[in-house]
Protein backbone atom coordinates (compact mmCIF):
# COMPACT_ATOMS: atom_id res chain seq x y z
CA MET A 1 6.53 -58.52 21.45
CA ASP A 2 7.28 -57.65 17.84
CA SER A 3 10.38 -59.09 16.23
CA PRO A 4 13.09 -56.75 14.91
CA ALA A 5 12.07 -57.61 11.39
CA SER A 6 8.45 -56.73 11.99
CA GLY A 7 9.53 -53.51 13.71
CA SER A 8 11.60 -52.55 10.67
CA GLU A 9 8.66 -53.24 8.40
CA ASN A 10 6.45 -51.00 10.54
CA VAL A 11 8.99 -48.18 10.39
CA TRP A 12 9.37 -48.56 6.62
CA GLY A 13 5.60 -48.61 6.30
CA ASP A 14 5.36 -45.33 8.21
CA ILE A 15 7.98 -43.77 5.93
CA ARG A 16 6.20 -44.92 2.78
CA ALA A 17 2.93 -43.55 4.15
CA GLU A 18 4.54 -40.11 4.37
CA ILE A 19 5.98 -40.10 0.83
CA PRO A 20 2.71 -39.49 -1.08
CA THR A 21 1.79 -36.66 1.29
CA VAL A 22 5.13 -34.90 0.83
CA THR A 23 5.03 -35.40 -2.95
CA LYS A 24 1.47 -34.10 -3.15
CA LYS A 25 2.37 -31.06 -1.07
CA LYS A 26 5.42 -30.41 -3.24
CA ARG A 27 3.32 -30.56 -6.40
CA ARG A 28 0.89 -28.05 -4.92
CA LEU A 29 3.79 -25.65 -4.48
CA GLN A 30 4.70 -25.99 -8.15
CA LYS A 31 2.85 -25.68 -11.42
CA LYS A 32 3.61 -26.61 -14.99
CA ALA A 33 5.88 -24.14 -16.73
CA PRO A 34 3.85 -22.07 -19.24
CA GLY A 35 6.26 -22.77 -22.10
CA ALA A 36 6.81 -26.47 -21.41
CA PRO A 37 5.53 -28.99 -24.01
CA LYS A 38 2.12 -30.49 -23.25
CA ARG A 39 2.12 -34.20 -22.54
CA GLY A 40 0.56 -36.58 -25.03
CA LYS A 41 -3.08 -37.46 -24.38
CA SER A 42 -4.32 -41.00 -23.86
CA PRO A 43 -6.79 -42.65 -26.29
CA TYR A 44 -9.57 -42.34 -23.71
CA ILE A 45 -8.94 -38.60 -23.16
CA LEU A 46 -9.05 -37.96 -26.91
CA PHE A 47 -12.28 -39.95 -27.17
CA SER A 48 -13.77 -38.03 -24.24
CA MET A 49 -12.87 -34.65 -25.77
CA ASP A 50 -14.41 -35.64 -29.12
CA LYS A 51 -17.58 -37.34 -27.89
CA ARG A 52 -18.40 -35.40 -24.72
CA GLU A 53 -20.95 -33.00 -26.22
CA GLU A 54 -22.54 -35.75 -28.31
CA ILE A 55 -23.08 -37.98 -25.27
CA LYS A 56 -24.16 -35.05 -23.12
CA SER A 57 -26.87 -34.11 -25.62
CA THR A 58 -28.54 -37.51 -25.08
CA MET A 59 -28.85 -36.92 -21.32
CA ALA A 60 -31.15 -34.76 -19.21
CA PRO A 61 -30.39 -31.00 -19.30
CA ASN A 62 -29.71 -30.96 -15.55
CA ALA A 63 -27.37 -33.96 -15.64
CA LYS A 64 -24.43 -33.70 -13.25
CA VAL A 65 -20.83 -33.63 -14.45
CA THR A 66 -20.19 -36.94 -12.71
CA ASP A 67 -23.10 -38.52 -14.60
CA VAL A 68 -21.69 -37.29 -17.92
CA MET A 69 -18.25 -38.65 -17.07
CA ARG A 70 -19.77 -42.01 -16.11
CA ALA A 71 -21.68 -42.18 -19.40
CA ILE A 72 -18.48 -41.45 -21.38
CA ALA A 73 -16.63 -44.18 -19.48
CA ASP A 74 -19.44 -46.68 -20.16
CA ALA A 75 -19.41 -45.85 -23.88
CA TRP A 76 -15.64 -46.34 -24.03
CA SER A 77 -15.74 -49.67 -22.19
CA LYS A 78 -18.35 -51.06 -24.60
CA MET A 79 -16.27 -50.26 -27.69
CA SER A 80 -14.29 -52.99 -29.44
CA GLU A 81 -10.56 -52.72 -30.12
CA ASP A 82 -11.24 -51.91 -33.77
CA GLU A 83 -13.56 -49.05 -32.72
CA LYS A 84 -10.88 -47.72 -30.36
CA ALA A 85 -8.17 -47.91 -33.04
CA PRO A 86 -8.59 -44.30 -34.37
CA TRP A 87 -8.13 -42.88 -30.86
CA LYS A 88 -5.09 -45.07 -30.23
CA THR A 89 -3.52 -43.93 -33.49
CA ALA A 90 -4.17 -40.29 -32.60
CA ALA A 91 -2.67 -40.89 -29.14
CA GLU A 92 0.50 -42.34 -30.69
CA SER A 93 0.85 -39.28 -32.92
CA ASP A 94 0.36 -36.99 -29.95
CA LYS A 95 2.96 -38.93 -27.97
CA GLN A 96 5.45 -38.58 -30.83
CA ARG A 97 4.75 -34.84 -31.00
CA TYR A 98 5.48 -34.55 -27.26
CA GLU A 99 8.77 -36.46 -27.53
CA GLU A 100 9.94 -34.29 -30.43
CA GLU A 101 9.13 -31.09 -28.56
CA MET A 102 10.86 -32.36 -25.42
CA ALA A 103 14.00 -33.14 -27.42
CA THR A 104 14.41 -29.46 -28.29
CA TYR A 105 13.04 -27.95 -25.04
CA ASP A 106 15.66 -26.91 -22.48
CA GLY A 107 13.50 -24.95 -20.02
CA PRO A 108 12.04 -26.05 -16.67
CA LEU A 109 9.08 -28.44 -16.58
CA ARG A 110 7.65 -27.00 -13.38
CA VAL A 111 7.87 -23.58 -11.72
CA PRO A 112 6.87 -22.28 -8.27
CA ASN A 113 3.10 -22.02 -7.95
CA LYS A 114 2.91 -18.46 -6.70
CA ARG A 115 -0.16 -16.32 -7.00
CA ALA A 116 0.38 -13.17 -9.00
CA LYS A 117 1.29 -10.38 -6.62
CA LYS A 118 -1.46 -7.83 -6.20
CA HIS A 119 -0.49 -4.27 -7.03
CA PRO A 120 -0.14 -2.39 -3.72
CA ASN A 121 -2.33 0.47 -4.94
CA ALA A 122 -5.05 -1.69 -6.50
CA PRO A 123 -8.60 -1.17 -5.15
CA LYS A 124 -9.51 -3.23 -2.12
CA ARG A 125 -11.81 -6.14 -2.93
CA ALA A 126 -15.44 -5.95 -1.89
CA SER A 127 -16.26 -7.50 1.49
CA SER A 128 -18.98 -10.12 1.88
CA ALA A 129 -22.10 -9.73 3.99
CA PHE A 130 -20.72 -12.31 6.41
CA LEU A 131 -17.52 -10.32 6.83
CA PHE A 132 -19.49 -7.17 7.69
CA TYR A 133 -21.50 -9.27 10.15
CA SER A 134 -18.30 -10.65 11.69
CA GLN A 135 -16.82 -7.18 12.09
CA VAL A 136 -19.83 -6.20 14.20
CA MET A 137 -20.31 -9.40 16.19
CA ARG A 138 -16.73 -10.56 16.81
CA PRO A 139 -15.88 -7.77 19.33
CA ARG A 140 -19.11 -8.50 21.22
CA ILE A 141 -18.39 -12.20 21.51
CA LYS A 142 -14.77 -11.47 22.43
CA SER A 143 -15.81 -9.13 25.25
CA GLU A 144 -18.33 -11.63 26.64
CA HIS A 145 -16.07 -14.69 26.27
CA GLN A 146 -12.48 -13.53 26.64
CA GLU A 147 -11.27 -17.10 27.11
CA MET A 148 -12.45 -18.17 23.65
CA LYS A 149 -9.89 -18.66 20.89
CA ASN A 150 -10.25 -16.90 17.55
CA THR A 151 -10.98 -20.21 15.84
CA GLU A 152 -13.81 -20.88 18.29
CA ILE A 153 -15.22 -17.39 17.77
CA SER A 154 -15.09 -17.85 13.99
CA LYS A 155 -16.92 -21.16 14.30
CA GLN A 156 -19.61 -19.58 16.46
CA LEU A 157 -19.99 -16.69 14.02
CA GLY A 158 -20.43 -19.11 11.13
CA GLU A 159 -23.10 -21.08 12.97
CA ALA A 160 -24.96 -17.92 14.00
CA TRP A 161 -24.85 -16.57 10.44
CA GLY A 162 -26.22 -19.82 9.08
CA LYS A 163 -29.18 -19.69 11.47
CA ALA A 164 -29.93 -15.99 10.88
CA THR A 165 -33.10 -15.03 9.01
CA LYS A 166 -33.18 -13.00 5.80
CA ALA A 167 -34.39 -9.98 7.76
CA GLN A 168 -31.44 -10.26 10.14
CA LYS A 169 -28.99 -10.59 7.25
CA ALA A 170 -30.54 -7.76 5.22
CA PRO A 171 -28.44 -4.85 6.65
CA PHE A 172 -25.20 -6.70 5.99
CA VAL A 173 -26.30 -7.80 2.52
CA GLU A 174 -27.03 -4.16 1.73
CA LYS A 175 -23.51 -3.21 2.83
CA GLU A 176 -22.10 -5.91 0.57
CA LEU A 177 -24.02 -4.56 -2.43
CA VAL A 178 -22.77 -1.03 -1.75
CA ASP A 179 -19.20 -2.28 -1.37
CA ARG A 180 -19.44 -4.30 -4.59
CA ALA A 181 -20.58 -1.19 -6.45
CA ARG A 182 -17.66 0.73 -4.95
CA TYR A 183 -15.19 -1.98 -6.00
CA LYS A 184 -16.61 -2.13 -9.52
CA ARG A 185 -16.35 1.64 -9.91
CA GLU A 186 -12.80 1.79 -8.56
CA MET A 187 -11.68 -1.12 -10.72
CA GLU A 188 -12.99 0.62 -13.83
CA GLU A 189 -10.99 3.72 -12.90
CA TRP A 190 -7.97 1.54 -12.09
CA ASN A 191 -8.09 -0.27 -15.42
CA ASN A 192 -8.55 2.99 -17.33
CA ALA A 193 -5.40 4.35 -15.66
CA LYS A 194 -3.30 1.29 -16.57
CA PRO A 195 -1.63 2.91 -19.61
CA GLU A 196 -0.49 5.82 -17.43
CA ARG A 197 0.91 3.44 -14.77
CA ASP A 198 2.71 1.36 -17.38
CA TYR A 199 4.09 4.53 -18.95
CA GLN A 200 5.54 5.79 -15.68
CA GLU A 201 6.93 2.41 -14.60
CA ALA A 202 8.54 1.87 -18.01
CA HIS A 203 10.31 5.23 -17.85
CA GLN A 204 11.34 4.55 -14.24
CA GLN A 205 12.95 1.25 -15.18
CA GLN A 206 14.53 2.70 -18.31
CA TYR A 207 16.03 5.55 -16.33
CA ASN A 208 17.36 3.24 -13.59
CA ALA A 209 19.08 1.08 -16.18
CA GLN A 210 20.48 4.06 -18.09
CA TYR A 211 21.94 5.89 -15.09
CA GLY A 212 22.94 2.94 -12.92
CA PHE A 213 20.16 2.98 -10.34
CA ASP A 214 19.10 -0.63 -10.87
CA GLN A 215 19.56 -1.28 -7.15
CA LEU A 216 16.20 0.39 -6.58
CA GLY A 217 14.68 -2.81 -7.92
CA THR A 218 16.01 -4.74 -4.92
CA TYR A 219 13.07 -3.36 -2.98
CA ASP A 220 9.81 -4.88 -4.21
CA GLU A 221 7.81 -1.66 -3.97
CA ALA A 222 10.49 0.74 -5.21
CA TYR A 223 8.25 2.02 -8.00
CA ALA A 224 4.96 2.02 -6.09
CA THR A 225 3.38 4.35 -3.55
CA THR A 226 2.35 2.06 -0.73
CA ASP A 227 1.41 2.68 2.88
CA GLU A 228 4.72 1.11 3.84
CA ILE A 229 6.76 3.57 1.79
CA GLN A 230 4.59 6.51 2.81
CA SER A 231 5.21 5.68 6.48
CA MET A 232 8.97 5.53 5.93
CA THR A 233 11.20 8.53 6.28
CA GLU A 234 13.22 9.32 3.18
CA ARG A 235 16.39 8.26 5.00
CA ASP A 236 14.90 4.84 5.87
CA PHE A 237 13.72 4.35 2.30
CA LEU A 238 17.10 5.12 0.76
CA ALA A 239 18.92 3.00 3.34
CA LYS A 240 16.68 0.05 2.52
CA THR A 241 17.28 0.39 -1.21
CA ASN A 242 21.04 0.90 -0.76
CA VAL A 243 20.96 4.23 -2.56
CA GLU A 244 23.36 6.95 -1.44
CA LEU A 245 21.90 9.64 0.78
CA ALA A 246 21.64 12.58 -1.60
CA PHE A 247 19.82 15.84 -0.91
CA VAL A 248 17.78 14.33 1.95
CA ARG A 249 16.65 16.06 5.12
CA PRO A 250 13.61 15.64 7.38
CA ALA A 251 10.28 17.08 6.30
CA VAL A 252 9.70 20.76 6.97
CA THR A 253 8.25 21.65 10.38
CA PRO A 254 6.81 25.04 11.37
CA PRO A 255 9.64 27.34 12.53
CA VAL A 256 8.34 28.32 15.98
CA ASN A 257 10.94 31.07 16.41
CA CYS A 258 9.95 32.77 13.15
CA PRO A 259 8.00 36.05 13.61
CA SER A 260 6.01 35.32 10.45
CA TRP A 261 5.17 31.74 11.48
CA VAL A 262 1.54 32.17 10.42
CA CYS A 263 2.68 32.83 6.86
CA CYS A 264 4.91 29.78 7.06
CA LEU A 265 2.15 27.53 8.35
CA LEU A 266 0.35 26.89 5.07
CA PRO A 267 3.33 25.58 3.10
CA CYS A 268 4.45 23.59 6.12
CA ILE A 269 1.08 21.90 6.41
CA MET A 270 1.02 21.19 2.69
CA ARG A 271 4.41 19.51 2.94
CA THR A 272 3.99 17.67 6.24
CA GLU A 273 5.37 14.13 6.19
CA GLY A 274 1.93 12.56 6.42
CA MET A 275 0.61 14.18 3.26
CA ARG A 276 0.54 11.71 0.38
CA LEU A 277 1.31 14.31 -2.27
CA TYR A 278 4.81 14.97 -0.97
CA THR A 279 5.74 11.54 0.44
CA ASN A 280 5.47 9.41 -2.68
CA HIS A 281 8.70 10.68 -4.23
CA SER A 282 12.32 9.93 -3.43
CA PRO A 283 15.59 11.22 -4.90
CA LYS A 284 16.54 9.58 -8.22
CA GLU A 285 12.94 8.58 -8.89
CA VAL A 286 11.49 9.41 -12.30
CA ASN A 287 8.46 11.70 -12.20
CA VAL A 288 6.02 12.23 -15.08
CA MET A 289 4.40 15.69 -15.15
CA ARG A 290 1.30 16.50 -17.16
CA THR A 291 -0.96 19.50 -17.67
CA GLY A 292 -2.77 20.36 -14.43
CA ASP A 293 -0.30 18.57 -12.12
CA THR A 294 1.30 20.18 -9.10
CA VAL A 295 4.99 19.29 -8.98
CA ALA A 296 5.64 17.39 -5.75
CA ALA A 297 9.45 17.63 -5.66
CA ASP A 298 12.32 19.53 -7.22
CA CYS A 299 13.02 17.78 -10.53
CA ARG A 300 15.67 18.05 -13.20
CA LEU A 301 14.14 17.57 -16.64
CA LEU A 302 15.07 14.61 -18.81
CA GLU A 303 12.56 15.19 -21.60
CA CYS A 304 9.72 17.60 -22.24
CA SER A 305 7.34 18.71 -24.94
CA GLU A 306 8.07 21.93 -26.80
CA ASP A 307 5.09 23.66 -25.18
CA PHE A 308 5.89 22.59 -21.61
CA THR A 309 5.29 25.55 -19.28
CA VAL A 310 5.02 25.83 -15.51
CA ASP A 311 3.53 28.42 -13.19
CA LEU A 312 5.90 29.43 -10.37
CA SER A 313 3.53 31.92 -8.73
CA ALA A 314 3.16 29.80 -5.58
CA LEU A 315 6.93 29.72 -5.13
CA ALA A 316 7.66 33.29 -6.25
CA ASN A 317 4.82 34.80 -4.17
CA GLU A 318 3.76 37.09 -7.00
CA LYS A 319 0.24 38.36 -7.55
CA LEU A 320 0.31 37.39 -11.21
CA PRO A 321 1.48 33.94 -12.25
CA ARG A 322 4.99 33.92 -13.61
CA VAL A 323 4.89 31.38 -16.45
CA CYS A 324 8.19 30.14 -17.83
CA SER A 325 8.92 27.75 -20.68
CA VAL A 326 11.34 24.96 -19.91
CA GLU A 327 12.97 23.03 -22.73
CA CYS A 328 15.35 20.15 -22.17
CA THR A 329 18.68 21.01 -23.82
CA ASP A 330 20.66 17.88 -22.99
CA LYS A 331 18.63 14.72 -23.56
CA GLU A 332 21.77 12.57 -23.72
CA ASN A 333 22.66 13.30 -20.11
CA GLY A 334 19.60 14.71 -18.41
CA VAL A 335 20.96 14.28 -14.89
CA LEU A 336 23.63 16.93 -15.57
CA SER A 337 21.16 19.29 -17.23
CA ARG A 338 20.56 22.61 -15.46
CA ASN A 339 16.86 22.67 -16.38
CA MET A 340 14.79 22.52 -13.21
CA VAL A 341 11.14 22.37 -12.18
CA PHE A 342 10.57 23.23 -8.54
CA MET A 343 8.18 21.82 -6.00
CA ALA A 344 4.79 23.58 -5.78
CA SER A 345 5.01 24.66 -9.41
CA ALA A 346 1.87 24.08 -11.46
CA VAL A 347 2.10 22.55 -14.92
CA VAL A 348 0.17 24.88 -17.20
CA LYS A 349 0.74 23.15 -20.52
CA GLY A 350 2.56 20.20 -22.00
CA ASP A 351 4.18 17.05 -20.63
CA ALA A 352 7.61 16.35 -19.16
CA ILE A 353 9.69 13.64 -17.58
CA GLY A 354 12.06 14.58 -14.77
CA VAL A 355 14.24 12.95 -12.15
CA VAL A 356 13.67 13.92 -8.51
CA VAL A 357 16.79 15.60 -7.10
CA ALA A 358 15.47 17.03 -3.84
CA THR A 359 12.62 16.51 -1.39
CA GLY A 360 11.72 17.75 2.07
CA ASP A 361 13.75 20.58 3.55
CA ASN A 362 16.27 20.46 0.74
CA THR A 363 13.88 21.72 -1.94
CA VAL A 364 13.97 25.41 -2.81
CA TRP A 365 10.72 25.89 -0.94
CA GLY A 366 12.05 23.95 2.03
CA GLN A 367 15.23 26.05 2.11
CA LEU A 368 13.22 29.25 2.11
CA ILE A 369 11.04 28.12 4.99
CA SER A 370 13.89 26.62 7.01
CA ASN A 371 15.93 29.82 6.62
CA HIS A 372 12.93 31.97 7.62
CA LYS A 373 12.74 33.67 4.23
CA TRP A 374 8.96 33.21 3.91
CA PRO A 375 6.94 35.18 2.90
CA LEU A 376 9.15 36.07 -0.04
CA VAL A 377 10.21 39.53 -1.07
CA THR A 378 10.87 40.49 -4.67
CA ASP A 379 13.48 38.37 -6.44
CA VAL A 380 14.32 36.31 -3.35
CA SER A 381 13.05 33.16 -5.03
CA ASN A 382 15.08 33.89 -8.16
CA ALA A 383 18.29 34.26 -6.19
CA GLU A 384 17.53 31.18 -4.10
CA SER A 385 16.80 29.15 -7.22
CA GLU A 386 20.05 30.21 -8.85
CA ARG A 387 22.00 29.30 -5.70
CA PHE A 388 20.20 25.96 -5.51
CA ILE A 389 20.93 25.06 -9.14
CA GLY A 390 24.54 26.08 -8.77
CA ASN A 391 24.98 23.79 -5.76
CA LYS A 392 23.35 20.82 -7.48
CA ALA A 393 25.01 21.20 -10.90
């Protein structure tokens, strides 16, 4: 039977055994702060950095990294103290540099080691041949062996893939090559569009700060069009971001009791909740409009170029496009400006920045459909637009 003392030693030994593991795990969760001073290097590290290529050149071209490191260590161990003196002097200088920088540094030494968050709209990475193989074979194994765990199935898939011949792997390798080409092409397009994304996000953030809508930033994807946001109703989105419910109603649905429901069907389909074009905007969001764009929501202009013109023919139901020039008259307080661009308008020329004030049923187009005023008669859209602007001013 162990004595109390020996029992205490065993317990303390178990605790000490856990300490390195916890510390190591904690260090994995953190990384050195980018702006923190770099520690001073030891004499051996300085020697290794200076002599590495020289020693490596005397070895075989295919020498392993471990062999090179061993050769450097042997060379260092054979040096006398006088030969090591230059490296020790350099190490002392580097140590002094570190201490001086630390004396004036007041930031953190370590920060959370978090991987940079992938943009929600970034292209999906290319899948490997093994992943394509697993997608085909996993359901088969699962149906034949329903009692197997996912870890066991994964292990079996790995073993089967390792034993497969080149001919058996060929179809999946071909899929990988095609997917890699797709990813490369999409990434090139994604990178080319970066200035446009940065431009829109910068104006979004600037507008939120200027008009007091910073709370939108409490939701991680407030400025992005993700599947999560697209699946939300506008009411859910605004509730999650703590923004007041302004000008929000459900998406337009075909009015079944309308005699002209066939005429209403096209705009209703175009604006159904599942369509991406009309679900990636929310009230108070900043929208950038350029030549060739179709406006996806009713917007009040904040800024625009002098030649900014829009085609309202889709909204006005006229045979000939009715092109109107819109110039922002109140850049200091754009939210109160009466200059509007309506959903379904086409940007003919110029650029503009506007804030979304209405989506769904509450747009001019949505009001017309909901009130069974489609198809339009002459000047109905003009009167409806004037009424809409008057209510929102």
